[in-house]
Amino acid sequence: MRNYLIHDYVGTSPDIVWKSVKDDIPSLKDALENIVALGNSA
């Protein structure tokens, strides 16, 4: 998705970006929280 956004931003569909935000950001947030928790417990 990054390359598409960076190199073809004029052709980027807001619907595709929003779908990615809704579908991918929550799992990324969970993964990052787990990483931080592991770092804090070490």
PDB file of N, CA and C in Angstrom:
ATOM      1  N   MET A   1       0.821  -1.187   0.000  1.00  0.00           N
ATOM      2  CA  MET A   1       0.000   0.000   0.000  1.00  0.00           C
ATOM      3  C   MET A   1       0.870   1.257   0.000  1.00  0.00           C
ATOM      4  N   ARG A   2       1.982   1.242   0.722  1.00  0.00           N
ATOM      5  CA  ARG A   2       2.830   2.419   0.808  1.00  0.00           C
ATOM      6  C   ARG A   2       3.294   2.883  -0.560  1.00  0.00           C
ATOM      7  N   ASN A   3       3.820   1.965  -1.369  1.00  0.00           N
ATOM      8  CA  ASN A   3       4.315   2.359  -2.685  1.00  0.00           C
ATOM      9  C   ASN A   3       3.208   2.940  -3.545  1.00  0.00           C
ATOM     10  N   TYR A   4       2.044   2.364  -3.451  1.00  0.00           N
ATOM     11  CA  TYR A   4       0.912   2.881  -4.219  1.00  0.00           C
ATOM     12  C   TYR A   4       0.596   4.311  -3.789  1.00  0.00           C
ATOM     13  N   LEU A   5       0.564   4.544  -2.487  1.00  0.00           N
ATOM     14  CA  LEU A   5       0.256   5.884  -1.986  1.00  0.00           C
ATOM     15  C   LEU A   5       1.345   6.889  -2.352  1.00  0.00           C
ATOM     16  N   ILE A   6       2.588   6.471  -2.258  1.00  0.00           N
ATOM     17  CA  ILE A   6       3.703   7.378  -2.511  1.00  0.00           C
ATOM     18  C   ILE A   6       3.852   7.689  -3.995  1.00  0.00           C
ATOM     19  N   HIS A   7       3.720   6.679  -4.831  1.00  0.00           N
ATOM     20  CA  HIS A   7       4.022   6.850  -6.249  1.00  0.00           C
ATOM     21  C   HIS A   7       2.794   7.098  -7.118  1.00  0.00           C
ATOM     22  N   ASP A   8       1.602   6.885  -6.611  1.00  0.00           N
ATOM     23  CA  ASP A   8       0.391   7.090  -7.407  1.00  0.00           C
ATOM     24  C   ASP A   8      -0.687   7.752  -6.563  1.00  0.00           C
ATOM     25  N   TYR A   9      -0.285   8.765  -5.808  1.00  0.00           N
ATOM     26  CA  TYR A   9      -1.231   9.379  -4.880  1.00  0.00           C
ATOM     27  C   TYR A   9      -2.420  10.016  -5.576  1.00  0.00           C
ATOM     28  N   VAL A  10      -2.246  10.457  -6.825  1.00  0.00           N
ATOM     29  CA  VAL A  10      -3.360  11.050  -7.563  1.00  0.00           C
ATOM     30  C   VAL A  10      -4.434  10.001  -7.844  1.00  0.00           C
ATOM     31  N   GLY A  11      -3.994   8.750  -8.078  1.00  0.00           N
ATOM     32  CA  GLY A  11      -4.939   7.690  -8.386  1.00  0.00           C
ATOM     33  C   GLY A  11      -5.398   6.901  -7.178  1.00  0.00           C
ATOM     34  N   THR A  12      -5.036   7.353  -5.984  1.00  0.00           N
ATOM     35  CA  THR A  12      -5.391   6.625  -4.766  1.00  0.00           C
ATOM     36  C   THR A  12      -6.872   6.807  -4.447  1.00  0.00           C
ATOM     37  N   SER A  13      -7.529   5.718  -4.195  1.00  0.00           N
ATOM     38  CA  SER A  13      -8.950   5.755  -3.850  1.00  0.00           C
ATOM     39  C   SER A  13      -9.110   5.976  -2.350  1.00  0.00           C
ATOM     40  N   PRO A  14      -9.836   6.998  -1.959  1.00  0.00           N
ATOM     41  CA  PRO A  14     -10.081   7.209  -0.530  1.00  0.00           C
ATOM     42  C   PRO A  14     -10.754   6.005   0.126  1.00  0.00           C
ATOM     43  N   ASP A  15     -11.576   5.289  -0.625  1.00  0.00           N
ATOM     44  CA  ASP A  15     -12.237   4.104  -0.073  1.00  0.00           C
ATOM     45  C   ASP A  15     -11.233   3.016   0.282  1.00  0.00           C
ATOM     46  N   ILE A  16     -10.216   2.836  -0.555  1.00  0.00           N
ATOM     47  CA  ILE A  16      -9.189   1.831  -0.280  1.00  0.00           C
ATOM     48  C   ILE A  16      -8.369   2.238   0.936  1.00  0.00           C
ATOM     49  N   VAL A  17      -8.034   3.515   1.020  1.00  0.00           N
ATOM     50  CA  VAL A  17      -7.275   4.001   2.181  1.00  0.00           C
ATOM     51  C   VAL A  17      -8.094   3.808   3.454  1.00  0.00           C
ATOM     52  N   TRP A  18      -9.372   4.159   3.418  1.00  0.00           N
ATOM     53  CA  TRP A  18     -10.220   4.016   4.602  1.00  0.00           C
ATOM     54  C   TRP A  18     -10.358   2.557   5.003  1.00  0.00           C
ATOM     55  N   LYS A  19     -10.495   1.658   4.022  1.00  0.00           N
ATOM     56  CA  LYS A  19     -10.587   0.229   4.320  1.00  0.00           C
ATOM     57  C   LYS A  19      -9.318  -0.239   5.024  1.00  0.00           C
ATOM     58  N   SER A  20      -8.181   0.221   4.560  1.00  0.00           N
ATOM     59  CA  SER A  20      -6.918  -0.153   5.186  1.00  0.00           C
ATOM     60  C   SER A  20      -6.847   0.374   6.617  1.00  0.00           C
ATOM     61  N   VAL A  21      -7.289   1.601   6.810  1.00  0.00           N
ATOM     62  CA  VAL A  21      -7.293   2.181   8.160  1.00  0.00           C
ATOM     63  C   VAL A  21      -8.170   1.345   9.084  1.00  0.00           C
ATOM     64  N   LYS A  22      -9.361   1.010   8.638  1.00  0.00           N
ATOM     65  CA  LYS A  22     -10.291   0.247   9.479  1.00  0.00           C
ATOM     66  C   LYS A  22      -9.808  -1.173   9.730  1.00  0.00           C
ATOM     67  N   ASP A  23      -9.214  -1.804   8.714  1.00  0.00           N
ATOM     68  CA  ASP A  23      -8.859  -3.220   8.814  1.00  0.00           C
ATOM     69  C   ASP A  23      -7.463  -3.460   9.383  1.00  0.00           C
ATOM     70  N   ASP A  24      -6.515  -2.581   9.092  1.00  0.00           N
ATOM     71  CA  ASP A  24      -5.119  -2.845   9.430  1.00  0.00           C
ATOM     72  C   ASP A  24      -4.623  -2.115  10.672  1.00  0.00           C
ATOM     73  N   ILE A  25      -5.089  -0.918  10.910  1.00  0.00           N
ATOM     74  CA  ILE A  25      -4.580  -0.131  12.035  1.00  0.00           C
ATOM     75  C   ILE A  25      -4.887  -0.785  13.389  1.00  0.00           C
ATOM     76  N   PRO A  26      -6.088  -1.310  13.620  1.00  0.00           N
ATOM     77  CA  PRO A  26      -6.339  -1.938  14.926  1.00  0.00           C
ATOM     78  C   PRO A  26      -5.386  -3.099  15.235  1.00  0.00           C
ATOM     79  N   SER A  27      -5.106  -3.954  14.255  1.00  0.00           N
ATOM     80  CA  SER A  27      -4.191  -5.066  14.523  1.00  0.00           C
ATOM     81  C   SER A  27      -2.758  -4.564  14.691  1.00  0.00           C
ATOM     82  N   LEU A  28      -2.391  -3.511  13.981  1.00  0.00           N
ATOM     83  CA  LEU A  28      -1.068  -2.913  14.164  1.00  0.00           C
ATOM     84  C   LEU A  28      -0.951  -2.335  15.569  1.00  0.00           C
ATOM     85  N   LYS A  29      -1.995  -1.670  16.022  1.00  0.00           N
ATOM     86  CA  LYS A  29      -2.000  -1.106  17.379  1.00  0.00           C
ATOM     87  C   LYS A  29      -1.827  -2.206  18.421  1.00  0.00           C
ATOM     88  N   ASP A  30      -2.558  -3.302  18.266  1.00  0.00           N
ATOM     89  CA  ASP A  30      -2.435  -4.423  19.202  1.00  0.00           C
ATOM     90  C   ASP A  30      -1.019  -4.987  19.210  1.00  0.00           C
ATOM     91  N   ALA A  31      -0.441  -5.157  18.033  1.00  0.00           N
ATOM     92  CA  ALA A  31       0.913  -5.702  17.937  1.00  0.00           C
ATOM     93  C   ALA A  31       1.921  -4.768  18.602  1.00  0.00           C
ATOM     94  N   LEU A  32       1.780  -3.472  18.375  1.00  0.00           N
ATOM     95  CA  LEU A  32       2.703  -2.514  18.987  1.00  0.00           C
ATOM     96  C   LEU A  32       2.541  -2.474  20.507  1.00  0.00           C
ATOM     97  N   GLU A  33       1.311  -2.575  20.988  1.00  0.00           N
ATOM     98  CA  GLU A  33       1.099  -2.612  22.438  1.00  0.00           C
ATOM     99  C   GLU A  33       1.750  -3.843  23.050  1.00  0.00           C
ATOM    100  N   ASN A  34       1.685  -4.976  22.370  1.00  0.00           N
ATOM    101  CA  ASN A  34       2.340  -6.191  22.859  1.00  0.00           C
ATOM    102  C   ASN A  34       3.852  -6.028  22.896  1.00  0.00           C
ATOM    103  N   ILE A  35       4.406  -5.407  21.875  1.00  0.00           N
ATOM    104  CA  ILE A  35       5.856  -5.182  21.833  1.00  0.00           C
ATOM    105  C   ILE A  35       6.278  -4.276  22.987  1.00  0.00           C
ATOM    106  N   VAL A  36       5.529  -3.215  23.202  1.00  0.00           N
ATOM    107  CA  VAL A  36       5.850  -2.287  24.294  1.00  0.00           C
ATOM    108  C   VAL A  36       5.735  -2.996  25.637  1.00  0.00           C
ATOM    109  N   ALA A  37       4.700  -3.803  25.811  1.00  0.00           N
ATOM    110  CA  ALA A  37       4.520  -4.532  27.070  1.00  0.00           C
ATOM    111  C   ALA A  37       5.676  -5.497  27.308  1.00  0.00           C
ATOM    112  N   LEU A  38       6.121  -6.175  26.266  1.00  0.00           N
ATOM    113  CA  LEU A  38       7.263  -7.086  26.409  1.00  0.00           C
ATOM    114  C   LEU A  38       8.525  -6.324  26.779  1.00  0.00           C
ATOM    115  N   GLY A  39       8.705  -5.166  26.189  1.00  0.00           N
ATOM    116  CA  GLY A  39       9.876  -4.349  26.497  1.00  0.00           C
ATOM    117  C   GLY A  39       9.848  -3.834  27.919  1.00  0.00           C
ATOM    118  N   ASN A  40       8.674  -3.516  28.416  1.00  0.00           N
ATOM    119  CA  ASN A  40       8.545  -3.002  29.782  1.00  0.00           C
ATOM    120  C   ASN A  40       8.709  -4.091  30.829  1.00  0.00           C
ATOM    121  N   SER A  41       8.499  -5.346  30.454  1.00  0.00           N
ATOM    122  CA  SER A  41       8.605  -6.431  31.431  1.00  0.00           C
ATOM    123  C   SER A  41      10.004  -7.035  31.473  1.00  0.00           C
ATOM    124  N   ALA A  42      10.861  -6.617  30.576  1.00  0.00           N
ATOM    125  CA  ALA A  42      12.215  -7.195  30.516  1.00  0.00           C
ATOM    126  C   ALA A  42      13.133  -6.554  31.527  1.00  0.00           C
TER     127      ALA A  42
END
